[in-house]
């Protein structure tokens, strides 16, 4: 049983919003400048986020991050003839993630110079879109999926 069937079996209604969260971490030396950039590079978080928002179902059915980039004119320099949109979006994320909330950062300090930086991003889609287009969403893996069941309970599934 895939996660869409599991959500249906748990009574998730079509008006529910489904949140897809992808997380990774890097051990860092937080006393040095650039530790966030090093963690972003080590985890490949910008590339991974770009791959989800610039292609596949989160691109096809829309996402808030790409909409925010468009609204803030961050995609204006893209030349449509290049056919490297995903790479362009990755660069936009890498250059602007400090100014926007696309990638959450949570530092756990072990001592005065070492720690762990958790990085995550969340995408969302209405369950009606997911269930009506199951073939587009069935190959989405590596996320923690969270939503509300029909009874109002929070449901979390790791896919």
C-alpha atoms as a PDB file:
ATOM      1  CA  UNK A   1       0.000   0.000   0.000  1.00  0.00           C
ATOM      2  CA  UNK A   2       1.534   3.317  -1.057  1.00  0.00           C
ATOM      3  CA  UNK A   3       1.297   6.466   1.038  1.00  0.00           C
ATOM      4  CA  UNK A   4      -1.655   7.849  -0.936  1.00  0.00           C
ATOM      5  CA  UNK A   5      -3.673   4.713  -0.232  1.00  0.00           C
ATOM      6  CA  UNK A   6      -2.580   4.882   3.428  1.00  0.00           C
ATOM      7  CA  UNK A   7      -3.818   8.478   3.682  1.00  0.00           C
ATOM      8  CA  UNK A   8      -7.139   7.519   2.113  1.00  0.00           C
ATOM      9  CA  UNK A   9      -7.474   4.585   4.548  1.00  0.00           C
ATOM     10  CA  UNK A  10      -6.833   6.985   7.449  1.00  0.00           C
ATOM     11  CA  UNK A  11      -9.756   9.123   6.337  1.00  0.00           C
ATOM     12  CA  UNK A  12      -7.864  12.115   4.970  1.00  0.00           C
ATOM     13  CA  UNK A  13     -10.389  14.322   3.213  1.00  0.00           C
ATOM     14  CA  UNK A  14      -9.925  16.046  -0.140  1.00  0.00           C
ATOM     15  CA  UNK A  15      -9.836  19.491   1.478  1.00  0.00           C
ATOM     16  CA  UNK A  16      -6.828  18.579   3.668  1.00  0.00           C
ATOM     17  CA  UNK A  17      -3.398  20.002   2.905  1.00  0.00           C
ATOM     18  CA  UNK A  18      -0.579  17.470   2.786  1.00  0.00           C
ATOM     19  CA  UNK A  19       2.901  18.654   3.859  1.00  0.00           C
ATOM     20  CA  UNK A  20       6.033  16.979   2.486  1.00  0.00           C
ATOM     21  CA  UNK A  21       9.153  17.663   4.584  1.00  0.00           C
ATOM     22  CA  UNK A  22      12.667  16.662   3.538  1.00  0.00           C
ATOM     23  CA  UNK A  23      15.450  16.905   6.138  1.00  0.00           C
ATOM     24  CA  UNK A  24      19.193  16.430   6.304  1.00  0.00           C
ATOM     25  CA  UNK A  25      21.997  17.589   8.577  1.00  0.00           C
ATOM     26  CA  UNK A  26      25.676  18.370   8.645  1.00  0.00           C
ATOM     27  CA  UNK A  27      28.155  18.491  11.492  1.00  0.00           C
ATOM     28  CA  UNK A  28      29.607  22.005  11.556  1.00  0.00           C
ATOM     29  CA  UNK A  29      32.098  24.285  13.224  1.00  0.00           C
ATOM     30  CA  UNK A  30      29.658  27.090  13.960  1.00  0.00           C
ATOM     31  CA  UNK A  31      32.285  29.525  15.219  1.00  0.00           C
ATOM     32  CA  UNK A  32      33.495  30.013  11.639  1.00  0.00           C
ATOM     33  CA  UNK A  33      31.808  32.138   9.027  1.00  0.00           C
ATOM     34  CA  UNK A  34      30.400  30.111   6.179  1.00  0.00           C
ATOM     35  CA  UNK A  35      29.291  27.052   8.148  1.00  0.00           C
ATOM     36  CA  UNK A  36      25.770  27.331   6.759  1.00  0.00           C
ATOM     37  CA  UNK A  37      27.070  27.460   3.186  1.00  0.00           C
ATOM     38  CA  UNK A  38      29.274  24.430   3.887  1.00  0.00           C
ATOM     39  CA  UNK A  39      26.292  22.495   5.263  1.00  0.00           C
ATOM     40  CA  UNK A  40      24.154  23.494   2.276  1.00  0.00           C
ATOM     41  CA  UNK A  41      26.869  22.265  -0.074  1.00  0.00           C
ATOM     42  CA  UNK A  42      27.524  19.053   1.876  1.00  0.00           C
ATOM     43  CA  UNK A  43      23.855  18.079   2.022  1.00  0.00           C
ATOM     44  CA  UNK A  44      22.966  19.267  -1.482  1.00  0.00           C
ATOM     45  CA  UNK A  45      19.812  20.796  -0.033  1.00  0.00           C
ATOM     46  CA  UNK A  46      19.559  23.610  -2.622  1.00  0.00           C
ATOM     47  CA  UNK A  47      19.880  21.144  -5.501  1.00  0.00           C
ATOM     48  CA  UNK A  48      17.324  18.814  -3.969  1.00  0.00           C
ATOM     49  CA  UNK A  49      14.796  21.577  -3.351  1.00  0.00           C
ATOM     50  CA  UNK A  50      15.329  22.865  -6.899  1.00  0.00           C
ATOM     51  CA  UNK A  51      14.733  19.399  -8.325  1.00  0.00           C
ATOM     52  CA  UNK A  52      11.326  19.206  -6.628  1.00  0.00           C
ATOM     53  CA  UNK A  53      10.060  22.717  -7.342  1.00  0.00           C
ATOM     54  CA  UNK A  54      11.397  23.068 -10.897  1.00  0.00           C
ATOM     55  CA  UNK A  55      10.134  19.716 -12.224  1.00  0.00           C
ATOM     56  CA  UNK A  56       7.782  16.893 -11.316  1.00  0.00           C
ATOM     57  CA  UNK A  57       4.413  17.179  -9.588  1.00  0.00           C
ATOM     58  CA  UNK A  58       5.327  20.117  -7.345  1.00  0.00           C
ATOM     59  CA  UNK A  59       6.178  22.097 -10.469  1.00  0.00           C
ATOM     60  CA  UNK A  60       3.242  20.801 -12.516  1.00  0.00           C
ATOM     61  CA  UNK A  61       0.624  21.577  -9.848  1.00  0.00           C
ATOM     62  CA  UNK A  62       2.350  24.655  -8.416  1.00  0.00           C
ATOM     63  CA  UNK A  63       4.248  25.448  -5.244  1.00  0.00           C
ATOM     64  CA  UNK A  64       4.601  28.463  -2.985  1.00  0.00           C
ATOM     65  CA  UNK A  65       8.393  28.705  -3.255  1.00  0.00           C
ATOM     66  CA  UNK A  66       8.465  29.084  -7.025  1.00  0.00           C
ATOM     67  CA  UNK A  67       5.559  31.537  -6.819  1.00  0.00           C
ATOM     68  CA  UNK A  68       7.503  33.608  -4.281  1.00  0.00           C
ATOM     69  CA  UNK A  69      10.550  33.605  -6.567  1.00  0.00           C
ATOM     70  CA  UNK A  70       8.398  34.852  -9.441  1.00  0.00           C
ATOM     71  CA  UNK A  71       6.727  37.540  -7.302  1.00  0.00           C
ATOM     72  CA  UNK A  72      10.120  38.827  -6.148  1.00  0.00           C
ATOM     73  CA  UNK A  73      11.537  38.868  -9.704  1.00  0.00           C
ATOM     74  CA  UNK A  74      14.200  36.273  -8.848  1.00  0.00           C
ATOM     75  CA  UNK A  75      13.520  34.301 -12.041  1.00  0.00           C
ATOM     76  CA  UNK A  76      13.615  37.254 -14.445  1.00  0.00           C
ATOM     77  CA  UNK A  77      17.188  36.548 -15.606  1.00  0.00           C
ATOM     78  CA  UNK A  78      16.349  33.030 -16.792  1.00  0.00           C
ATOM     79  CA  UNK A  79      16.707  32.634 -20.548  1.00  0.00           C
ATOM     80  CA  UNK A  80      13.973  30.209 -21.606  1.00  0.00           C
ATOM     81  CA  UNK A  81      16.073  28.932 -24.502  1.00  0.00           C
ATOM     82  CA  UNK A  82      18.703  27.478 -22.168  1.00  0.00           C
ATOM     83  CA  UNK A  83      16.501  24.582 -20.938  1.00  0.00           C
ATOM     84  CA  UNK A  84      18.391  24.508 -17.628  1.00  0.00           C
ATOM     85  CA  UNK A  85      15.625  25.815 -15.404  1.00  0.00           C
ATOM     86  CA  UNK A  86      16.364  23.441 -12.515  1.00  0.00           C
ATOM     87  CA  UNK A  87      20.004  24.530 -12.406  1.00  0.00           C
ATOM     88  CA  UNK A  88      18.966  28.186 -12.550  1.00  0.00           C
ATOM     89  CA  UNK A  89      16.528  27.690  -9.661  1.00  0.00           C
ATOM     90  CA  UNK A  90      19.260  25.939  -7.650  1.00  0.00           C
ATOM     91  CA  UNK A  91      21.480  29.014  -8.078  1.00  0.00           C
ATOM     92  CA  UNK A  92      18.627  31.303  -7.010  1.00  0.00           C
ATOM     93  CA  UNK A  93      18.135  29.200  -3.870  1.00  0.00           C
ATOM     94  CA  UNK A  94      21.870  29.124  -3.101  1.00  0.00           C
ATOM     95  CA  UNK A  95      22.196  32.889  -3.476  1.00  0.00           C
ATOM     96  CA  UNK A  96      19.004  33.880  -1.631  1.00  0.00           C
ATOM     97  CA  UNK A  97      18.141  31.280   1.035  1.00  0.00           C
ATOM     98  CA  UNK A  98      19.183  33.630   3.870  1.00  0.00           C
ATOM     99  CA  UNK A  99      16.605  36.205   2.755  1.00  0.00           C
ATOM    100  CA  UNK A 100      13.719  33.737   2.420  1.00  0.00           C
ATOM    101  CA  UNK A 101      12.273  30.874   4.459  1.00  0.00           C
ATOM    102  CA  UNK A 102      12.661  28.203   1.797  1.00  0.00           C
ATOM    103  CA  UNK A 103      15.107  26.138   3.823  1.00  0.00           C
ATOM    104  CA  UNK A 104      14.775  25.940   7.598  1.00  0.00           C
ATOM    105  CA  UNK A 105      17.995  25.929   9.614  1.00  0.00           C
ATOM    106  CA  UNK A 106      18.280  24.681  13.188  1.00  0.00           C
ATOM    107  CA  UNK A 107      21.675  24.721  14.913  1.00  0.00           C
ATOM    108  CA  UNK A 108      22.344  22.350  17.816  1.00  0.00           C
ATOM    109  CA  UNK A 109      25.509  23.488  19.583  1.00  0.00           C
ATOM    110  CA  UNK A 110      27.515  20.767  21.287  1.00  0.00           C
ATOM    111  CA  UNK A 111      30.087  23.179  22.656  1.00  0.00           C
ATOM    112  CA  UNK A 112      31.429  26.633  21.882  1.00  0.00           C
ATOM    113  CA  UNK A 113      32.606  25.696  18.376  1.00  0.00           C
ATOM    114  CA  UNK A 114      31.071  22.412  17.190  1.00  0.00           C
ATOM    115  CA  UNK A 115      27.532  21.369  16.462  1.00  0.00           C
ATOM    116  CA  UNK A 116      24.986  19.999  14.054  1.00  0.00           C
ATOM    117  CA  UNK A 117      23.018  22.072  11.569  1.00  0.00           C
ATOM    118  CA  UNK A 118      19.664  20.566  10.607  1.00  0.00           C
ATOM    119  CA  UNK A 119      18.333  21.699   7.235  1.00  0.00           C
ATOM    120  CA  UNK A 120      14.827  21.048   5.939  1.00  0.00           C
ATOM    121  CA  UNK A 121      12.266  22.250   3.456  1.00  0.00           C
ATOM    122  CA  UNK A 122       8.539  21.672   3.235  1.00  0.00           C
ATOM    123  CA  UNK A 123       6.326  21.509   0.171  1.00  0.00           C
ATOM    124  CA  UNK A 124       2.565  21.167   0.245  1.00  0.00           C
ATOM    125  CA  UNK A 125      -0.318  20.122  -1.963  1.00  0.00           C
ATOM    126  CA  UNK A 126      -4.046  19.678  -1.442  1.00  0.00           C
ATOM    127  CA  UNK A 127      -4.982  16.040  -0.943  1.00  0.00           C
ATOM    128  CA  UNK A 128      -7.569  16.380  -3.722  1.00  0.00           C
ATOM    129  CA  UNK A 129      -4.758  17.168  -6.202  1.00  0.00           C
ATOM    130  CA  UNK A 130      -2.647  14.278  -4.903  1.00  0.00           C
ATOM    131  CA  UNK A 131      -5.455  11.707  -4.981  1.00  0.00           C
ATOM    132  CA  UNK A 132      -6.753  12.825  -8.406  1.00  0.00           C
ATOM    133  CA  UNK A 133      -3.220  12.713  -9.848  1.00  0.00           C
ATOM    134  CA  UNK A 134      -1.835   9.748  -7.907  1.00  0.00           C
ATOM    135  CA  UNK A 135       0.380   8.589 -10.763  1.00  0.00           C
ATOM    136  CA  UNK A 136       2.257  11.917 -10.641  1.00  0.00           C
ATOM    137  CA  UNK A 137       2.764  11.799  -6.859  1.00  0.00           C
ATOM    138  CA  UNK A 138       3.402   8.086  -6.293  1.00  0.00           C
ATOM    139  CA  UNK A 139       7.136   8.367  -7.050  1.00  0.00           C
ATOM    140  CA  UNK A 140       7.789  11.038  -4.420  1.00  0.00           C
ATOM    141  CA  UNK A 141      10.128   9.463  -1.835  1.00  0.00           C
ATOM    142  CA  UNK A 142      12.297  10.426   1.110  1.00  0.00           C
ATOM    143  CA  UNK A 143       9.793  12.764   2.758  1.00  0.00           C
ATOM    144  CA  UNK A 144       7.959  12.893   6.038  1.00  0.00           C
ATOM    145  CA  UNK A 145       4.322  13.388   5.034  1.00  0.00           C
ATOM    146  CA  UNK A 146       2.041  15.137   7.513  1.00  0.00           C
ATOM    147  CA  UNK A 147      -1.651  16.020   7.302  1.00  0.00           C
ATOM    148  CA  UNK A 148      -4.914  15.942   9.246  1.00  0.00           C
ATOM    149  CA  UNK A 149      -7.151  12.874   9.123  1.00  0.00           C
ATOM    150  CA  UNK A 150     -10.885  13.168   8.687  1.00  0.00           C
ATOM    151  CA  UNK A 151     -11.221  12.835  12.489  1.00  0.00           C
ATOM    152  CA  UNK A 152      -8.893  15.821  13.009  1.00  0.00           C
ATOM    153  CA  UNK A 153      -5.857  13.837  14.168  1.00  0.00           C
ATOM    154  CA  UNK A 154      -2.415  14.633  12.822  1.00  0.00           C
ATOM    155  CA  UNK A 155      -1.131  11.857  10.575  1.00  0.00           C
ATOM    156  CA  UNK A 156       2.559  11.384   9.765  1.00  0.00           C
ATOM    157  CA  UNK A 157       3.970   8.847   7.321  1.00  0.00           C
ATOM    158  CA  UNK A 158       7.582   8.464   6.228  1.00  0.00           C
ATOM    159  CA  UNK A 159       7.871   7.681   2.528  1.00  0.00           C
END
